[in-house]
PDB file of N, CA and C in Angstrom:
ATOM      1  N   UNK A   1     -14.517   0.758  -3.568  1.00  0.00           N
ATOM      2  CA  UNK A   1     -13.105   0.724  -5.231  1.00  0.00           C
ATOM      3  C   UNK A   1     -13.019  -0.840  -5.112  1.00  0.00           C
ATOM      4  N   UNK A   2     -13.535  -1.204  -6.486  1.00  0.00           N
ATOM      5  CA  UNK A   2     -12.575  -2.792  -6.966  1.00  0.00           C
ATOM      6  C   UNK A   2     -11.160  -2.592  -6.674  1.00  0.00           C
ATOM      7  N   UNK A   3     -10.525  -4.290  -6.225  1.00  0.00           N
ATOM      8  CA  UNK A   3      -9.590  -4.093  -6.128  1.00  0.00           C
ATOM      9  C   UNK A   3      -9.258  -5.523  -6.428  1.00  0.00           C
ATOM     10  N   UNK A   4      -7.784  -6.347  -7.301  1.00  0.00           N
ATOM     11  CA  UNK A   4      -7.223  -7.460  -7.129  1.00  0.00           C
ATOM     12  C   UNK A   4      -6.731  -8.155  -6.101  1.00  0.00           C
ATOM     13  N   UNK A   5      -6.564  -7.514  -5.332  1.00  0.00           N
ATOM     14  CA  UNK A   5      -5.735  -8.328  -4.149  1.00  0.00           C
ATOM     15  C   UNK A   5      -6.004  -6.787  -3.065  1.00  0.00           C
ATOM     16  N   UNK A   6      -5.752  -7.843  -1.682  1.00  0.00           N
ATOM     17  CA  UNK A   6      -6.072  -7.455  -0.353  1.00  0.00           C
ATOM     18  C   UNK A   6      -4.396  -7.649   0.491  1.00  0.00           C
ATOM     19  N   UNK A   7      -3.692  -6.795   1.024  1.00  0.00           N
ATOM     20  CA  UNK A   7      -2.750  -7.237   1.624  1.00  0.00           C
ATOM     21  C   UNK A   7      -3.073  -6.047   3.358  1.00  0.00           C
ATOM     22  N   UNK A   8      -3.260  -7.622   4.464  1.00  0.00           N
ATOM     23  CA  UNK A   8      -2.917  -6.663   5.361  1.00  0.00           C
ATOM     24  C   UNK A   8      -1.743  -6.377   6.074  1.00  0.00           C
ATOM     25  N   UNK A   9      -1.360  -5.656   6.737  1.00  0.00           N
ATOM     26  CA  UNK A   9      -0.259  -5.329   7.267  1.00  0.00           C
ATOM     27  C   UNK A   9      -0.267  -4.695   8.597  1.00  0.00           C
ATOM     28  N   UNK A  10      -1.661  -4.481   9.527  1.00  0.00           N
ATOM     29  CA  UNK A  10      -1.956  -3.789  10.878  1.00  0.00           C
ATOM     30  C   UNK A  10      -1.273  -4.903  11.201  1.00  0.00           C
ATOM     31  N   UNK A  11      -0.042  -4.173  12.502  1.00  0.00           N
ATOM     32  CA  UNK A  11       0.010  -4.765  13.440  1.00  0.00           C
ATOM     33  C   UNK A  11       1.406  -4.332  13.019  1.00  0.00           C
ATOM     34  N   UNK A  12       2.137  -3.740  11.955  1.00  0.00           N
ATOM     35  CA  UNK A  12       3.721  -4.052  11.661  1.00  0.00           C
ATOM     36  C   UNK A  12       3.850  -2.367  11.966  1.00  0.00           C
ATOM     37  N   UNK A  13       4.566  -3.014  12.064  1.00  0.00           N
ATOM     38  CA  UNK A  13       5.649  -1.542  12.056  1.00  0.00           C
ATOM     39  C   UNK A  13       6.806  -1.515  10.075  1.00  0.00           C
ATOM     40  N   UNK A  14       7.244   0.323  10.372  1.00  0.00           N
ATOM     41  CA  UNK A  14       8.327   0.555   9.070  1.00  0.00           C
ATOM     42  C   UNK A  14       9.425  -0.484   9.500  1.00  0.00           C
ATOM     43  N   UNK A  15       9.767  -0.728   8.289  1.00  0.00           N
ATOM     44  CA  UNK A  15       9.942  -1.123   6.728  1.00  0.00           C
ATOM     45  C   UNK A  15       8.821  -2.262   6.538  1.00  0.00           C
ATOM     46  N   UNK A  16       7.914  -2.864   7.636  1.00  0.00           N
ATOM     47  CA  UNK A  16       7.398  -4.185   6.965  1.00  0.00           C
ATOM     48  C   UNK A  16       6.349  -3.660   6.085  1.00  0.00           C
ATOM     49  N   UNK A  17       5.349  -3.007   5.911  1.00  0.00           N
ATOM     50  CA  UNK A  17       4.058  -2.496   5.446  1.00  0.00           C
ATOM     51  C   UNK A  17       4.815  -2.567   3.811  1.00  0.00           C
ATOM     52  N   UNK A  18       5.912  -1.207   3.789  1.00  0.00           N
ATOM     53  CA  UNK A  18       6.677  -0.631   2.579  1.00  0.00           C
ATOM     54  C   UNK A  18       7.290  -2.247   1.802  1.00  0.00           C
ATOM     55  N   UNK A  19       7.660  -3.300   2.306  1.00  0.00           N
ATOM     56  CA  UNK A  19       8.059  -4.546   2.043  1.00  0.00           C
ATOM     57  C   UNK A  19       7.345  -5.427   1.514  1.00  0.00           C
ATOM     58  N   UNK A  20       6.297  -5.224   2.260  1.00  0.00           N
ATOM     59  CA  UNK A  20       5.399  -6.662   2.078  1.00  0.00           C
ATOM     60  C   UNK A  20       4.743  -6.290   0.675  1.00  0.00           C
ATOM     61  N   UNK A  21       3.767  -4.697   0.478  1.00  0.00           N
ATOM     62  CA  UNK A  21       3.616  -4.037  -0.553  1.00  0.00           C
ATOM     63  C   UNK A  21       4.623  -4.382  -1.983  1.00  0.00           C
ATOM     64  N   UNK A  22       5.338  -4.247  -1.241  1.00  0.00           N
ATOM     65  CA  UNK A  22       6.398  -4.270  -2.845  1.00  0.00           C
ATOM     66  C   UNK A  22       6.224  -5.717  -3.066  1.00  0.00           C
ATOM     67  N   UNK A  23       6.557  -6.883  -2.438  1.00  0.00           N
ATOM     68  CA  UNK A  23       6.335  -8.144  -2.319  1.00  0.00           C
ATOM     69  C   UNK A  23       5.382  -8.668  -3.400  1.00  0.00           C
ATOM     70  N   UNK A  24       3.984  -7.724  -3.134  1.00  0.00           N
ATOM     71  CA  UNK A  24       2.727  -8.371  -3.241  1.00  0.00           C
ATOM     72  C   UNK A  24       2.880  -8.049  -4.895  1.00  0.00           C
ATOM     73  N   UNK A  25       3.343  -6.567  -5.049  1.00  0.00           N
ATOM     74  CA  UNK A  25       2.977  -5.903  -5.647  1.00  0.00           C
ATOM     75  C   UNK A  25       3.941  -6.589  -7.097  1.00  0.00           C
ATOM     76  N   UNK A  26       4.985  -7.428  -6.479  1.00  0.00           N
ATOM     77  CA  UNK A  26       5.453  -7.603  -8.079  1.00  0.00           C
ATOM     78  C   UNK A  26       4.967  -9.207  -8.491  1.00  0.00           C
ATOM     79  N   UNK A  27       4.284  -9.622  -7.479  1.00  0.00           N
ATOM     80  CA  UNK A  27       2.705 -11.024  -7.931  1.00  0.00           C
ATOM     81  C   UNK A  27       2.517 -10.717  -8.618  1.00  0.00           C
ATOM     82  N   UNK A  28       1.249  -9.229  -9.255  1.00  0.00           N
ATOM     83  CA  UNK A  28       0.840  -8.726 -10.134  1.00  0.00           C
ATOM     84  C   UNK A  28       1.094  -7.961 -11.241  1.00  0.00           C
ATOM     85  N   UNK A  29      -0.205  -8.104 -11.671  1.00  0.00           N
ATOM     86  CA  UNK A  29       0.107  -7.477 -13.216  1.00  0.00           C
ATOM     87  C   UNK A  29      -0.436  -6.322 -13.399  1.00  0.00           C
ATOM     88  N   UNK A  30       0.758  -5.499 -14.497  1.00  0.00           N
ATOM     89  CA  UNK A  30       0.537  -3.985 -14.510  1.00  0.00           C
ATOM     90  C   UNK A  30      -0.800  -3.653 -14.760  1.00  0.00           C
ATOM     91  N   UNK A  31      -1.575  -2.559 -13.294  1.00  0.00           N
ATOM     92  CA  UNK A  31      -2.584  -1.724 -14.426  1.00  0.00           C
ATOM     93  C   UNK A  31      -3.763  -2.809 -12.823  1.00  0.00           C
ATOM     94  N   UNK A  32      -3.151  -3.454 -12.410  1.00  0.00           N
ATOM     95  CA  UNK A  32      -3.843  -3.673 -10.909  1.00  0.00           C
ATOM     96  C   UNK A  32      -4.015  -3.510 -10.040  1.00  0.00           C
ATOM     97  N   UNK A  33      -4.560  -3.202  -9.171  1.00  0.00           N
ATOM     98  CA  UNK A  33      -4.816  -2.824  -7.743  1.00  0.00           C
ATOM     99  C   UNK A  33      -4.315  -3.507  -6.723  1.00  0.00           C
ATOM    100  N   UNK A  34      -3.875  -2.818  -5.670  1.00  0.00           N
ATOM    101  CA  UNK A  34      -3.817  -3.505  -4.828  1.00  0.00           C
ATOM    102  C   UNK A  34      -4.254  -2.332  -3.281  1.00  0.00           C
ATOM    103  N   UNK A  35      -4.953  -3.140  -2.341  1.00  0.00           N
ATOM    104  CA  UNK A  35      -5.415  -2.393  -0.941  1.00  0.00           C
ATOM    105  C   UNK A  35      -4.821  -3.331   0.081  1.00  0.00           C
ATOM    106  N   UNK A  36      -4.455  -2.007   0.616  1.00  0.00           N
ATOM    107  CA  UNK A  36      -3.528  -2.323   1.652  1.00  0.00           C
ATOM    108  C   UNK A  36      -3.986  -1.874   2.947  1.00  0.00           C
ATOM    109  N   UNK A  37      -4.142  -2.712   3.990  1.00  0.00           N
ATOM    110  CA  UNK A  37      -3.938  -1.655   5.557  1.00  0.00           C
ATOM    111  C   UNK A  37      -3.348  -2.160   6.833  1.00  0.00           C
ATOM    112  N   UNK A  38      -3.209  -1.208   7.331  1.00  0.00           N
ATOM    113  CA  UNK A  38      -1.979  -0.409   7.878  1.00  0.00           C
ATOM    114  C   UNK A  38      -2.200   0.253   9.334  1.00  0.00           C
ATOM    115  N   UNK A  39      -1.652  -0.505  10.657  1.00  0.00           N
ATOM    116  CA  UNK A  39      -1.668   0.700  11.394  1.00  0.00           C
ATOM    117  C   UNK A  39      -0.832   1.590  11.642  1.00  0.00           C
ATOM    118  N   UNK A  40       0.579   2.103  11.511  1.00  0.00           N
ATOM    119  CA  UNK A  40       1.403   2.288  11.473  1.00  0.00           C
ATOM    120  C   UNK A  40       1.841   3.712  10.840  1.00  0.00           C
ATOM    121  N   UNK A  41       1.234   4.937  11.899  1.00  0.00           N
ATOM    122  CA  UNK A  41       1.204   5.979  11.630  1.00  0.00           C
ATOM    123  C   UNK A  41       1.844   6.344  10.324  1.00  0.00           C
ATOM    124  N   UNK A  42       3.644   5.615  10.792  1.00  0.00           N
ATOM    125  CA  UNK A  42       4.548   6.204   9.502  1.00  0.00           C
ATOM    126  C   UNK A  42       4.317   5.855   8.168  1.00  0.00           C
ATOM    127  N   UNK A  43       3.482   5.037   7.937  1.00  0.00           N
ATOM    128  CA  UNK A  43       2.992   4.499   6.241  1.00  0.00           C
ATOM    129  C   UNK A  43       2.275   5.887   5.427  1.00  0.00           C
ATOM    130  N   UNK A  44       1.506   6.386   6.228  1.00  0.00           N
ATOM    131  CA  UNK A  44       1.110   7.704   5.285  1.00  0.00           C
ATOM    132  C   UNK A  44       2.009   8.107   4.538  1.00  0.00           C
ATOM    133  N   UNK A  45       3.295   8.716   4.919  1.00  0.00           N
ATOM    134  CA  UNK A  45       4.558   9.377   4.277  1.00  0.00           C
ATOM    135  C   UNK A  45       5.374   7.832   3.632  1.00  0.00           C
ATOM    136  N   UNK A  46       5.534   6.777   4.176  1.00  0.00           N
ATOM    137  CA  UNK A  46       6.215   5.763   3.294  1.00  0.00           C
ATOM    138  C   UNK A  46       5.596   5.240   1.631  1.00  0.00           C
ATOM    139  N   UNK A  47       4.367   5.401   2.278  1.00  0.00           N
ATOM    140  CA  UNK A  47       3.533   4.712   0.587  1.00  0.00           C
ATOM    141  C   UNK A  47       3.591   6.322  -0.408  1.00  0.00           C
ATOM    142  N   UNK A  48       3.062   7.903   0.242  1.00  0.00           N
ATOM    143  CA  UNK A  48       3.600   8.521  -0.945  1.00  0.00           C
ATOM    144  C   UNK A  48       5.342   8.442  -1.256  1.00  0.00           C
ATOM    145  N   UNK A  49       5.863   7.758  -0.697  1.00  0.00           N
ATOM    146  CA  UNK A  49       7.492   7.717  -0.847  1.00  0.00           C
ATOM    147  C   UNK A  49       7.745   6.650  -2.130  1.00  0.00           C
ATOM    148  N   UNK A  50       7.300   5.792  -1.574  1.00  0.00           N
ATOM    149  CA  UNK A  50       7.610   4.420  -2.088  1.00  0.00           C
ATOM    150  C   UNK A  50       6.822   4.886  -3.712  1.00  0.00           C
ATOM    151  N   UNK A  51       4.973   5.147  -3.765  1.00  0.00           N
ATOM    152  CA  UNK A  51       4.768   5.531  -5.191  1.00  0.00           C
ATOM    153  C   UNK A  51       5.324   6.586  -6.132  1.00  0.00           C
ATOM    154  N   UNK A  52       6.561   7.026  -5.605  1.00  0.00           N
ATOM    155  CA  UNK A  52       7.440   8.244  -6.563  1.00  0.00           C
ATOM    156  C   UNK A  52       8.752   7.488  -6.822  1.00  0.00           C
ATOM    157  N   UNK A  53       9.062   7.337  -5.600  1.00  0.00           N
ATOM    158  CA  UNK A  53      10.440   6.092  -6.105  1.00  0.00           C
ATOM    159  C   UNK A  53      10.152   5.098  -6.735  1.00  0.00           C
ATOM    160  N   UNK A  54       8.909   4.358  -6.987  1.00  0.00           N
ATOM    161  CA  UNK A  54       8.792   3.164  -7.934  1.00  0.00           C
ATOM    162  C   UNK A  54       8.103   2.529  -9.307  1.00  0.00           C
ATOM    163  N   UNK A  55       7.278   4.137  -9.071  1.00  0.00           N
ATOM    164  CA  UNK A  55       6.359   4.793  -9.936  1.00  0.00           C
ATOM    165  C   UNK A  55       4.924   3.911 -10.729  1.00  0.00           C
ATOM    166  N   UNK A  56       5.258   3.561  -9.066  1.00  0.00           N
ATOM    167  CA  UNK A  56       3.615   2.522  -8.899  1.00  0.00           C
ATOM    168  C   UNK A  56       2.947   3.839  -8.190  1.00  0.00           C
ATOM    169  N   UNK A  57       1.533   3.812  -8.725  1.00  0.00           N
ATOM    170  CA  UNK A  57       0.640   4.806  -7.660  1.00  0.00           C
ATOM    171  C   UNK A  57      -0.518   4.773  -7.385  1.00  0.00           C
ATOM    172  N   UNK A  58      -0.571   5.625  -6.489  1.00  0.00           N
ATOM    173  CA  UNK A  58      -0.701   5.723  -4.934  1.00  0.00           C
ATOM    174  C   UNK A  58      -2.159   6.191  -4.971  1.00  0.00           C
ATOM    175  N   UNK A  59      -3.250   5.399  -5.465  1.00  0.00           N
ATOM    176  CA  UNK A  59      -4.623   6.059  -6.213  1.00  0.00           C
ATOM    177  C   UNK A  59      -5.418   7.057  -5.104  1.00  0.00           C
ATOM    178  N   UNK A  60      -5.305   6.053  -3.699  1.00  0.00           N
ATOM    179  CA  UNK A  60      -6.444   6.338  -2.752  1.00  0.00           C
ATOM    180  C   UNK A  60      -5.543   6.217  -1.507  1.00  0.00           C
ATOM    181  N   UNK A  61      -5.994   7.117  -0.431  1.00  0.00           N
ATOM    182  CA  UNK A  61      -5.125   6.949   0.866  1.00  0.00           C
ATOM    183  C   UNK A  61      -6.231   7.732   2.179  1.00  0.00           C
ATOM    184  N   UNK A  62      -6.842   6.508   2.920  1.00  0.00           N
ATOM    185  CA  UNK A  62      -7.619   7.318   3.599  1.00  0.00           C
ATOM    186  C   UNK A  62      -7.279   6.828   5.262  1.00  0.00           C
ATOM    187  N   UNK A  63      -8.256   7.302   6.009  1.00  0.00           N
ATOM    188  CA  UNK A  63      -7.760   7.096   7.934  1.00  0.00           C
ATOM    189  C   UNK A  63      -9.015   6.892   8.423  1.00  0.00           C
ATOM    190  N   UNK A  64      -9.528   5.763   9.096  1.00  0.00           N
ATOM    191  CA  UNK A  64     -10.887   5.417   9.313  1.00  0.00           C
ATOM    192  C   UNK A  64      -9.642   4.923  10.588  1.00  0.00           C
ATOM    193  N   UNK A  65     -10.707   6.434  11.933  1.00  0.00           N
ATOM    194  CA  UNK A  65      -9.587   5.391  13.023  1.00  0.00           C
ATOM    195  C   UNK A  65      -8.615   5.553  13.190  1.00  0.00           C
ATOM    196  N   UNK A  66      -7.841   4.316  13.847  1.00  0.00           N
ATOM    197  CA  UNK A  66      -6.256   4.214  13.695  1.00  0.00           C
ATOM    198  C   UNK A  66      -5.703   3.217  12.725  1.00  0.00           C
ATOM    199  N   UNK A  67      -6.663   3.411  11.432  1.00  0.00           N
ATOM    200  CA  UNK A  67      -5.869   2.549  10.208  1.00  0.00           C
ATOM    201  C   UNK A  67      -6.057   3.040   9.145  1.00  0.00           C
ATOM    202  N   UNK A  68      -5.572   2.571   8.055  1.00  0.00           N
ATOM    203  CA  UNK A  68      -4.556   3.564   6.885  1.00  0.00           C
ATOM    204  C   UNK A  68      -5.138   2.490   5.828  1.00  0.00           C
ATOM    205  N   UNK A  69      -5.545   2.704   4.985  1.00  0.00           N
ATOM    206  CA  UNK A  69      -5.412   2.257   4.218  1.00  0.00           C
ATOM    207  C   UNK A  69      -5.482   2.613   2.813  1.00  0.00           C
ATOM    208  N   UNK A  70      -4.778   1.718   2.487  1.00  0.00           N
ATOM    209  CA  UNK A  70      -4.124   2.603   0.692  1.00  0.00           C
ATOM    210  C   UNK A  70      -5.043   1.642  -0.536  1.00  0.00           C
ATOM    211  N   UNK A  71      -4.595   2.048  -1.315  1.00  0.00           N
ATOM    212  CA  UNK A  71      -4.977   1.749  -2.630  1.00  0.00           C
ATOM    213  C   UNK A  71      -3.326   2.028  -3.339  1.00  0.00           C
ATOM    214  N   UNK A  72      -3.148   0.834  -4.321  1.00  0.00           N
ATOM    215  CA  UNK A  72      -1.297   0.710  -5.060  1.00  0.00           C
ATOM    216  C   UNK A  72      -1.879   0.290  -6.660  1.00  0.00           C
ATOM    217  N   UNK A  73      -1.579   0.984  -7.442  1.00  0.00           N
ATOM    218  CA  UNK A  73      -1.703   0.341  -8.530  1.00  0.00           C
ATOM    219  C   UNK A  73      -0.763   0.107  -9.090  1.00  0.00           C
ATOM    220  N   UNK A  74      -0.726  -0.839  -9.669  1.00  0.00           N
ATOM    221  CA  UNK A  74       0.690  -1.643 -10.219  1.00  0.00           C
ATOM    222  C   UNK A  74       1.167  -0.758 -11.347  1.00  0.00           C
ATOM    223  N   UNK A  75       2.239  -0.584 -11.369  1.00  0.00           N
ATOM    224  CA  UNK A  75       2.769   0.238 -12.613  1.00  0.00           C
ATOM    225  C   UNK A  75       3.168  -0.754 -14.323  1.00  0.00           C
TER     226      UNK A  75
END
């Protein structure tokens, strides 16, 4: 999937992946896609809740071994 920016939050625990995602999205244009890589198992639910609360779209979420990859679309 093509994306405009990538954020590596591997090794960080809640709430840092969400906080860094929020900061990155603030620097992006509406409609742009952010790829986030995380290792915190709680990030799956966190990103779903974040999308619901902020209106940014969680385009996809996948797990590869112990890594979670999220694609967020800026509202």
